[in-house]
Amino acid sequence: MKDIKNNLNHGNPLSDLISDDIYNLLHKRGLINQKSVRDHIIRNEFKLLRAQKMGASEAIEVLREKFSYLQFDTIRKIVYHIQK
């Protein structure tokens, strides 16, 4: 999987949870789970799109364009926390 920072304008994608310094330290030491960070970003973006009165399916399609390597159902599972 590509480094999630390539998709995030080179910032701290967890700024709502941890400081930039802590994120940078964890990332430098290889302690950041890139898939979990990606999923967190997808959930946050989904919430923002829905807050703009966008339909759920349309919001998932917007996210699918941004994360083109993911399928519609995969994004749906991420945003609704559907676990196997």
PDB file of N, CA and C in Angstrom:
ATOM      1  N   MET A   1       0.843  -1.176   0.000  1.00  0.00           N
ATOM      2  CA  MET A   1       0.000   0.000   0.000  1.00  0.00           C
ATOM      3  C   MET A   1       0.890   1.242   0.000  1.00  0.00           C
ATOM      4  N   LYS A   2       0.468   2.246  -0.745  1.00  0.00           N
ATOM      5  CA  LYS A   2       1.225   3.493  -0.769  1.00  0.00           C
ATOM      6  C   LYS A   2       1.223   4.129   0.609  1.00  0.00           C
ATOM      7  N   ASP A   3       2.283   4.866   0.878  1.00  0.00           N
ATOM      8  CA  ASP A   3       2.336   5.620   2.129  1.00  0.00           C
ATOM      9  C   ASP A   3       1.169   6.594   2.140  1.00  0.00           C
ATOM     10  N   ILE A   4       0.359   6.561   3.157  1.00  0.00           N
ATOM     11  CA  ILE A   4      -0.849   7.372   3.228  1.00  0.00           C
ATOM     12  C   ILE A   4      -0.539   8.863   3.148  1.00  0.00           C
ATOM     13  N   LYS A   5       0.662   9.262   3.531  1.00  0.00           N
ATOM     14  CA  LYS A   5       1.021  10.675   3.461  1.00  0.00           C
ATOM     15  C   LYS A   5       1.006  11.198   2.036  1.00  0.00           C
ATOM     16  N   ASN A   6       1.213  10.333   1.043  1.00  0.00           N
ATOM     17  CA  ASN A   6       1.161  10.772  -0.342  1.00  0.00           C
ATOM     18  C   ASN A   6      -0.230  11.270  -0.711  1.00  0.00           C
ATOM     19  N   ASN A   7      -1.242  10.795  -0.038  1.00  0.00           N
ATOM     20  CA  ASN A   7      -2.617  11.181  -0.318  1.00  0.00           C
ATOM     21  C   ASN A   7      -3.125  12.302   0.572  1.00  0.00           C
ATOM     22  N   LEU A   8      -2.305  12.808   1.470  1.00  0.00           N
ATOM     23  CA  LEU A   8      -2.819  13.708   2.494  1.00  0.00           C
ATOM     24  C   LEU A   8      -2.134  15.057   2.571  1.00  0.00           C
ATOM     25  N   ASN A   9      -1.615  15.522   1.471  1.00  0.00           N
ATOM     26  CA  ASN A   9      -0.979  16.839   1.443  1.00  0.00           C
ATOM     27  C   ASN A   9       0.158  16.960   2.449  1.00  0.00           C
ATOM     28  N   HIS A  10       0.815  15.870   2.763  1.00  0.00           N
ATOM     29  CA  HIS A  10       2.020  15.842   3.592  1.00  0.00           C
ATOM     30  C   HIS A  10       1.815  16.429   4.980  1.00  0.00           C
ATOM     31  N   GLY A  11       0.654  16.220   5.585  1.00  0.00           N
ATOM     32  CA  GLY A  11       0.397  16.712   6.924  1.00  0.00           C
ATOM     33  C   GLY A  11       0.101  15.578   7.880  1.00  0.00           C
ATOM     34  N   ASN A  12      -0.346  15.943   9.047  1.00  0.00           N
ATOM     35  CA  ASN A  12      -0.712  14.973  10.070  1.00  0.00           C
ATOM     36  C   ASN A  12      -2.181  14.596   9.861  1.00  0.00           C
ATOM     37  N   PRO A  13      -2.447  13.411   9.343  1.00  0.00           N
ATOM     38  CA  PRO A  13      -3.836  13.020   9.104  1.00  0.00           C
ATOM     39  C   PRO A  13      -4.596  12.699  10.384  1.00  0.00           C
ATOM     40  N   LEU A  14      -3.895  12.649  11.497  1.00  0.00           N
ATOM     41  CA  LEU A  14      -4.533  12.361  12.781  1.00  0.00           C
ATOM     42  C   LEU A  14      -4.531  13.586  13.693  1.00  0.00           C
ATOM     43  N   SER A  15      -4.508  14.770  13.094  1.00  0.00           N
ATOM     44  CA  SER A  15      -4.397  15.999  13.885  1.00  0.00           C
ATOM     45  C   SER A  15      -5.564  16.188  14.849  1.00  0.00           C
ATOM     46  N   ASP A  16      -6.703  15.552  14.565  1.00  0.00           N
ATOM     47  CA  ASP A  16      -7.834  15.640  15.493  1.00  0.00           C
ATOM     48  C   ASP A  16      -7.649  14.736  16.705  1.00  0.00           C
ATOM     49  N   LEU A  17      -6.618  13.858  16.655  1.00  0.00           N
ATOM     50  CA  LEU A  17      -6.365  12.919  17.745  1.00  0.00           C
ATOM     51  C   LEU A  17      -5.040  13.138  18.462  1.00  0.00           C
ATOM     52  N   ILE A  18      -3.973  13.423  17.692  1.00  0.00           N
ATOM     53  CA  ILE A  18      -2.637  13.573  18.286  1.00  0.00           C
ATOM     54  C   ILE A  18      -1.918  14.759  17.651  1.00  0.00           C
ATOM     55  N   SER A  19      -0.920  15.271  18.368  1.00  0.00           N
ATOM     56  CA  SER A  19      -0.167  16.419  17.879  1.00  0.00           C
ATOM     57  C   SER A  19       0.735  16.018  16.711  1.00  0.00           C
ATOM     58  N   ASP A  20       1.175  17.014  15.963  1.00  0.00           N
ATOM     59  CA  ASP A  20       2.073  16.776  14.833  1.00  0.00           C
ATOM     60  C   ASP A  20       3.375  16.128  15.287  1.00  0.00           C
ATOM     61  N   ASP A  21       3.904  16.584  16.419  1.00  0.00           N
ATOM     62  CA  ASP A  21       5.160  16.030  16.919  1.00  0.00           C
ATOM     63  C   ASP A  21       5.035  14.537  17.232  1.00  0.00           C
ATOM     64  N   ILE A  22       3.958  14.173  17.890  1.00  0.00           N
ATOM     65  CA  ILE A  22       3.752  12.765  18.226  1.00  0.00           C
ATOM     66  C   ILE A  22       3.545  11.945  16.959  1.00  0.00           C
ATOM     67  N   TYR A  23       2.741  12.463  16.026  1.00  0.00           N
ATOM     68  CA  TYR A  23       2.523  11.749  14.770  1.00  0.00           C
ATOM     69  C   TYR A  23       3.846  11.525  14.038  1.00  0.00           C
ATOM     70  N   ASN A  24       4.641  12.586  13.925  1.00  0.00           N
ATOM     71  CA  ASN A  24       5.923  12.478  13.215  1.00  0.00           C
ATOM     72  C   ASN A  24       6.857  11.473  13.889  1.00  0.00           C
ATOM     73  N   LEU A  25       6.883  11.467  15.210  1.00  0.00           N
ATOM     74  CA  LEU A  25       7.724  10.521  15.937  1.00  0.00           C
ATOM     75  C   LEU A  25       7.259   9.079  15.696  1.00  0.00           C
ATOM     76  N   LEU A  26       5.952   8.853  15.806  1.00  0.00           N
ATOM     77  CA  LEU A  26       5.421   7.506  15.571  1.00  0.00           C
ATOM     78  C   LEU A  26       5.650   7.058  14.135  1.00  0.00           C
ATOM     79  N   HIS A  27       5.447   7.973  13.201  1.00  0.00           N
ATOM     80  CA  HIS A  27       5.649   7.637  11.788  1.00  0.00           C
ATOM     81  C   HIS A  27       7.122   7.313  11.523  1.00  0.00           C
ATOM     82  N   LYS A  28       8.007   8.122  12.073  1.00  0.00           N
ATOM     83  CA  LYS A  28       9.449   7.921  11.884  1.00  0.00           C
ATOM     84  C   LYS A  28       9.884   6.544  12.400  1.00  0.00           C
ATOM     85  N   ARG A  29       9.261   6.100  13.469  1.00  0.00           N
ATOM     86  CA  ARG A  29       9.624   4.810  14.072  1.00  0.00           C
ATOM     87  C   ARG A  29       8.819   3.638  13.509  1.00  0.00           C
ATOM     88  N   GLY A  30       7.996   3.910  12.512  1.00  0.00           N
ATOM     89  CA  GLY A  30       7.237   2.841  11.869  1.00  0.00           C
ATOM     90  C   GLY A  30       6.096   2.297  12.703  1.00  0.00           C
ATOM     91  N   LEU A  31       5.542   3.123  13.565  1.00  0.00           N
ATOM     92  CA  LEU A  31       4.497   2.673  14.476  1.00  0.00           C
ATOM     93  C   LEU A  31       3.092   3.119  14.066  1.00  0.00           C
ATOM     94  N   ILE A  32       2.973   3.644  12.855  1.00  0.00           N
ATOM     95  CA  ILE A  32       1.675   4.082  12.354  1.00  0.00           C
ATOM     96  C   ILE A  32       1.123   3.007  11.431  1.00  0.00           C
ATOM     97  N   ASN A  33      -0.084   2.559  11.695  1.00  0.00           N
ATOM     98  CA  ASN A  33      -0.755   1.587  10.832  1.00  0.00           C
ATOM     99  C   ASN A  33      -1.422   2.371   9.701  1.00  0.00           C
ATOM    100  N   GLN A  34      -0.835   2.317   8.517  1.00  0.00           N
ATOM    101  CA  GLN A  34      -1.296   3.114   7.387  1.00  0.00           C
ATOM    102  C   GLN A  34      -2.749   2.808   7.004  1.00  0.00           C
ATOM    103  N   LYS A  35      -3.148   1.559   7.091  1.00  0.00           N
ATOM    104  CA  LYS A  35      -4.525   1.190   6.734  1.00  0.00           C
ATOM    105  C   LYS A  35      -5.514   1.816   7.715  1.00  0.00           C
ATOM    106  N   SER A  36      -5.188   1.797   8.983  1.00  0.00           N
ATOM    107  CA  SER A  36      -6.069   2.398   9.985  1.00  0.00           C
ATOM    108  C   SER A  36      -6.156   3.903   9.814  1.00  0.00           C
ATOM    109  N   VAL A  37      -5.056   4.532   9.467  1.00  0.00           N
ATOM    110  CA  VAL A  37      -5.056   5.977   9.218  1.00  0.00           C
ATOM    111  C   VAL A  37      -5.940   6.278   8.010  1.00  0.00           C
ATOM    112  N   ARG A  38      -5.775   5.493   6.942  1.00  0.00           N
ATOM    113  CA  ARG A  38      -6.600   5.669   5.739  1.00  0.00           C
ATOM    114  C   ARG A  38      -8.078   5.539   6.094  1.00  0.00           C
ATOM    115  N   ASP A  39      -8.429   4.530   6.866  1.00  0.00           N
ATOM    116  CA  ASP A  39      -9.819   4.315   7.241  1.00  0.00           C
ATOM    117  C   ASP A  39     -10.359   5.476   8.082  1.00  0.00           C
ATOM    118  N   HIS A  40      -9.541   6.003   8.963  1.00  0.00           N
ATOM    119  CA  HIS A  40      -9.925   7.155   9.782  1.00  0.00           C
ATOM    120  C   HIS A  40     -10.216   8.363   8.884  1.00  0.00           C
ATOM    121  N   ILE A  41      -9.372   8.576   7.902  1.00  0.00           N
ATOM    122  CA  ILE A  41      -9.561   9.691   6.961  1.00  0.00           C
ATOM    123  C   ILE A  41     -10.845   9.500   6.168  1.00  0.00           C
ATOM    124  N   ILE A  42     -11.065   8.298   5.690  1.00  0.00           N
ATOM    125  CA  ILE A  42     -12.274   8.015   4.917  1.00  0.00           C
ATOM    126  C   ILE A  42     -13.518   8.267   5.763  1.00  0.00           C
ATOM    127  N   ARG A  43     -13.519   7.810   7.004  1.00  0.00           N
ATOM    128  CA  ARG A  43     -14.672   8.043   7.884  1.00  0.00           C
ATOM    129  C   ARG A  43     -14.920   9.534   8.107  1.00  0.00           C
ATOM    130  N   ASN A  44     -13.840  10.289   8.354  1.00  0.00           N
ATOM    131  CA  ASN A  44     -13.986  11.729   8.575  1.00  0.00           C
ATOM    132  C   ASN A  44     -14.508  12.438   7.335  1.00  0.00           C
ATOM    133  N   GLU A  45     -13.979  12.083   6.172  1.00  0.00           N
ATOM    134  CA  GLU A  45     -14.435  12.715   4.936  1.00  0.00           C
ATOM    135  C   GLU A  45     -15.890  12.351   4.642  1.00  0.00           C
ATOM    136  N   PHE A  46     -16.262  11.111   4.935  1.00  0.00           N
ATOM    137  CA  PHE A  46     -17.647  10.691   4.748  1.00  0.00           C
ATOM    138  C   PHE A  46     -18.571  11.534   5.623  1.00  0.00           C
ATOM    139  N   LYS A  47     -18.196  11.730   6.871  1.00  0.00           N
ATOM    140  CA  LYS A  47     -19.011  12.548   7.779  1.00  0.00           C
ATOM    141  C   LYS A  47     -19.159  13.972   7.259  1.00  0.00           C
ATOM    142  N   LEU A  48     -18.072  14.543   6.732  1.00  0.00           N
ATOM    143  CA  LEU A  48     -18.137  15.896   6.182  1.00  0.00           C
ATOM    144  C   LEU A  48     -19.057  15.970   4.966  1.00  0.00           C
ATOM    145  N   LEU A  49     -18.957  14.996   4.089  1.00  0.00           N
ATOM    146  CA  LEU A  49     -19.817  14.973   2.908  1.00  0.00           C
ATOM    147  C   LEU A  49     -21.280  14.822   3.302  1.00  0.00           C
ATOM    148  N   ARG A  50     -21.558  13.964   4.266  1.00  0.00           N
ATOM    149  CA  ARG A  50     -22.931  13.770   4.721  1.00  0.00           C
ATOM    150  C   ARG A  50     -23.460  15.032   5.411  1.00  0.00           C
ATOM    151  N   ALA A  51     -22.589  15.753   6.121  1.00  0.00           N
ATOM    152  CA  ALA A  51     -22.990  17.001   6.773  1.00  0.00           C
ATOM    153  C   ALA A  51     -23.369  18.068   5.750  1.00  0.00           C
ATOM    154  N   GLN A  52     -22.866  17.915   4.534  1.00  0.00           N
ATOM    155  CA  GLN A  52     -23.204  18.838   3.446  1.00  0.00           C
ATOM    156  C   GLN A  52     -24.467  18.388   2.714  1.00  0.00           C
ATOM    157  N   LYS A  53     -25.209  17.489   3.335  1.00  0.00           N
ATOM    158  CA  LYS A  53     -26.482  16.972   2.814  1.00  0.00           C
ATOM    159  C   LYS A  53     -26.322  16.117   1.562  1.00  0.00           C
ATOM    160  N   MET A  54     -25.150  15.515   1.398  1.00  0.00           N
ATOM    161  CA  MET A  54     -24.921  14.614   0.282  1.00  0.00           C
ATOM    162  C   MET A  54     -25.442  13.236   0.674  1.00  0.00           C
ATOM    163  N   GLY A  55     -26.047  12.546  -0.262  1.00  0.00           N
ATOM    164  CA  GLY A  55     -26.542  11.203  -0.009  1.00  0.00           C
ATOM    165  C   GLY A  55     -25.389  10.243   0.282  1.00  0.00           C
ATOM    166  N   ALA A  56     -25.680   9.180   1.008  1.00  0.00           N
ATOM    167  CA  ALA A  56     -24.638   8.230   1.405  1.00  0.00           C
ATOM    168  C   ALA A  56     -23.961   7.588   0.194  1.00  0.00           C
ATOM    169  N   SER A  57     -24.750   7.148  -0.770  1.00  0.00           N
ATOM    170  CA  SER A  57     -24.175   6.507  -1.958  1.00  0.00           C
ATOM    171  C   SER A  57     -23.306   7.476  -2.754  1.00  0.00           C
ATOM    172  N   GLU A  58     -23.774   8.700  -2.868  1.00  0.00           N
ATOM    173  CA  GLU A  58     -23.007   9.708  -3.599  1.00  0.00           C
ATOM    174  C   GLU A  58     -21.699  10.026  -2.863  1.00  0.00           C
ATOM    175  N   ALA A  59     -21.768  10.115  -1.547  1.00  0.00           N
ATOM    176  CA  ALA A  59     -20.566  10.379  -0.748  1.00  0.00           C
ATOM    177  C   ALA A  59     -19.551   9.247  -0.911  1.00  0.00           C
ATOM    178  N   ILE A  60     -20.047   8.025  -0.927  1.00  0.00           N
ATOM    179  CA  ILE A  60     -19.147   6.882  -1.118  1.00  0.00           C
ATOM    180  C   ILE A  60     -18.517   6.926  -2.501  1.00  0.00           C
ATOM    181  N   GLU A  61     -19.275   7.339  -3.503  1.00  0.00           N
ATOM    182  CA  GLU A  61     -18.724   7.462  -4.862  1.00  0.00           C
ATOM    183  C   GLU A  61     -17.638   8.537  -4.924  1.00  0.00           C
ATOM    184  N   VAL A  62     -17.851   9.642  -4.219  1.00  0.00           N
ATOM    185  CA  VAL A  62     -16.827  10.697  -4.170  1.00  0.00           C
ATOM    186  C   VAL A  62     -15.546  10.145  -3.542  1.00  0.00           C
ATOM    187  N   LEU A  63     -15.700   9.410  -2.452  1.00  0.00           N
ATOM    188  CA  LEU A  63     -14.540   8.803  -1.796  1.00  0.00           C
ATOM    189  C   LEU A  63     -13.892   7.747  -2.689  1.00  0.00           C
ATOM    190  N   ARG A  64     -14.698   7.038  -3.442  1.00  0.00           N
ATOM    191  CA  ARG A  64     -14.177   6.013  -4.346  1.00  0.00           C
ATOM    192  C   ARG A  64     -13.311   6.642  -5.437  1.00  0.00           C
ATOM    193  N   GLU A  65     -13.687   7.837  -5.888  1.00  0.00           N
ATOM    194  CA  GLU A  65     -12.863   8.547  -6.870  1.00  0.00           C
ATOM    195  C   GLU A  65     -11.518   8.939  -6.263  1.00  0.00           C
ATOM    196  N   LYS A  66     -11.542   9.354  -5.013  1.00  0.00           N
ATOM    197  CA  LYS A  66     -10.311   9.768  -4.341  1.00  0.00           C
ATOM    198  C   LYS A  66      -9.427   8.569  -4.010  1.00  0.00           C
ATOM    199  N   PHE A  67     -10.045   7.498  -3.584  1.00  0.00           N
ATOM    200  CA  PHE A  67      -9.333   6.267  -3.230  1.00  0.00           C
ATOM    201  C   PHE A  67      -9.704   5.204  -4.276  1.00  0.00           C
ATOM    202  N   SER A  68      -9.255   5.416  -5.488  1.00  0.00           N
ATOM    203  CA  SER A  68      -9.703   4.620  -6.632  1.00  0.00           C
ATOM    204  C   SER A  68      -9.319   3.141  -6.543  1.00  0.00           C
ATOM    205  N   TYR A  69      -8.383   2.811  -5.692  1.00  0.00           N
ATOM    206  CA  TYR A  69      -7.976   1.417  -5.541  1.00  0.00           C
ATOM    207  C   TYR A  69      -8.927   0.637  -4.632  1.00  0.00           C
ATOM    208  N   LEU A  70      -9.922   1.329  -4.047  1.00  0.00           N
ATOM    209  CA  LEU A  70     -10.902   0.668  -3.183  1.00  0.00           C
ATOM    210  C   LEU A  70     -12.239   0.523  -3.911  1.00  0.00           C
ATOM    211  N   GLN A  71     -12.927  -0.562  -3.645  1.00  0.00           N
ATOM    212  CA  GLN A  71     -14.238  -0.791  -4.234  1.00  0.00           C
ATOM    213  C   GLN A  71     -15.318  -0.121  -3.390  1.00  0.00           C
ATOM    214  N   PHE A  72     -16.466   0.100  -4.003  1.00  0.00           N
ATOM    215  CA  PHE A  72     -17.597   0.728  -3.332  1.00  0.00           C
ATOM    216  C   PHE A  72     -17.916   0.025  -2.013  1.00  0.00           C
ATOM    217  N   ASP A  73     -18.027  -1.313  -2.057  1.00  0.00           N
ATOM    218  CA  ASP A  73     -18.373  -2.074  -0.844  1.00  0.00           C
ATOM    219  C   ASP A  73     -17.306  -1.961   0.240  1.00  0.00           C
ATOM    220  N   THR A  74     -16.066  -1.849  -0.160  1.00  0.00           N
ATOM    221  CA  THR A  74     -14.987  -1.694   0.822  1.00  0.00           C
ATOM    222  C   THR A  74     -15.136  -0.369   1.555  1.00  0.00           C
ATOM    223  N   ILE A  75     -15.402   0.692   0.818  1.00  0.00           N
ATOM    224  CA  ILE A  75     -15.593   2.004   1.448  1.00  0.00           C
ATOM    225  C   ILE A  75     -16.845   1.983   2.319  1.00  0.00           C
ATOM    226  N   ARG A  76     -17.901   1.338   1.846  1.00  0.00           N
ATOM    227  CA  ARG A  76     -19.125   1.231   2.638  1.00  0.00           C
ATOM    228  C   ARG A  76     -18.845   0.524   3.963  1.00  0.00           C
ATOM    229  N   LYS A  77     -18.067  -0.543   3.910  1.00  0.00           N
ATOM    230  CA  LYS A  77     -17.711  -1.255   5.135  1.00  0.00           C
ATOM    231  C   LYS A  77     -16.888  -0.383   6.071  1.00  0.00           C
ATOM    232  N   ILE A  78     -15.993   0.411   5.509  1.00  0.00           N
ATOM    233  CA  ILE A  78     -15.162   1.296   6.331  1.00  0.00           C
ATOM    234  C   ILE A  78     -16.027   2.342   7.026  1.00  0.00           C
ATOM    235  N   VAL A  79     -16.890   3.011   6.268  1.00  0.00           N
ATOM    236  CA  VAL A  79     -17.661   4.120   6.861  1.00  0.00           C
ATOM    237  C   VAL A  79     -18.718   3.638   7.842  1.00  0.00           C
ATOM    238  N   TYR A  80     -19.194   2.429   7.660  1.00  0.00           N
ATOM    239  CA  TYR A  80     -20.200   1.903   8.587  1.00  0.00           C
ATOM    240  C   TYR A  80     -19.611   0.917   9.591  1.00  0.00           C
ATOM    241  N   HIS A  81     -18.301   0.787   9.600  1.00  0.00           N
ATOM    242  CA  HIS A  81     -17.582  -0.081  10.545  1.00  0.00           C
ATOM    243  C   HIS A  81     -18.073  -1.520  10.506  1.00  0.00           C
ATOM    244  N   ILE A  82     -18.423  -1.998   9.339  1.00  0.00           N
ATOM    245  CA  ILE A  82     -18.872  -3.387   9.213  1.00  0.00           C
ATOM    246  C   ILE A  82     -17.655  -4.294   9.348  1.00  0.00           C
ATOM    247  N   GLN A  83     -17.690  -5.176  10.331  1.00  0.00           N
ATOM    248  CA  GLN A  83     -16.570  -6.067  10.564  1.00  0.00           C
ATOM    249  C   GLN A  83     -16.936  -7.493  10.223  1.00  0.00           C
ATOM    250  N   LYS A  84     -15.950  -8.246   9.803  1.00  0.00           N
ATOM    251  CA  LYS A  84     -16.184  -9.645   9.453  1.00  0.00           C
ATOM    252  C   LYS A  84     -16.305 -10.497  10.692  1.00  0.00           C
TER     253      LYS A  84
END
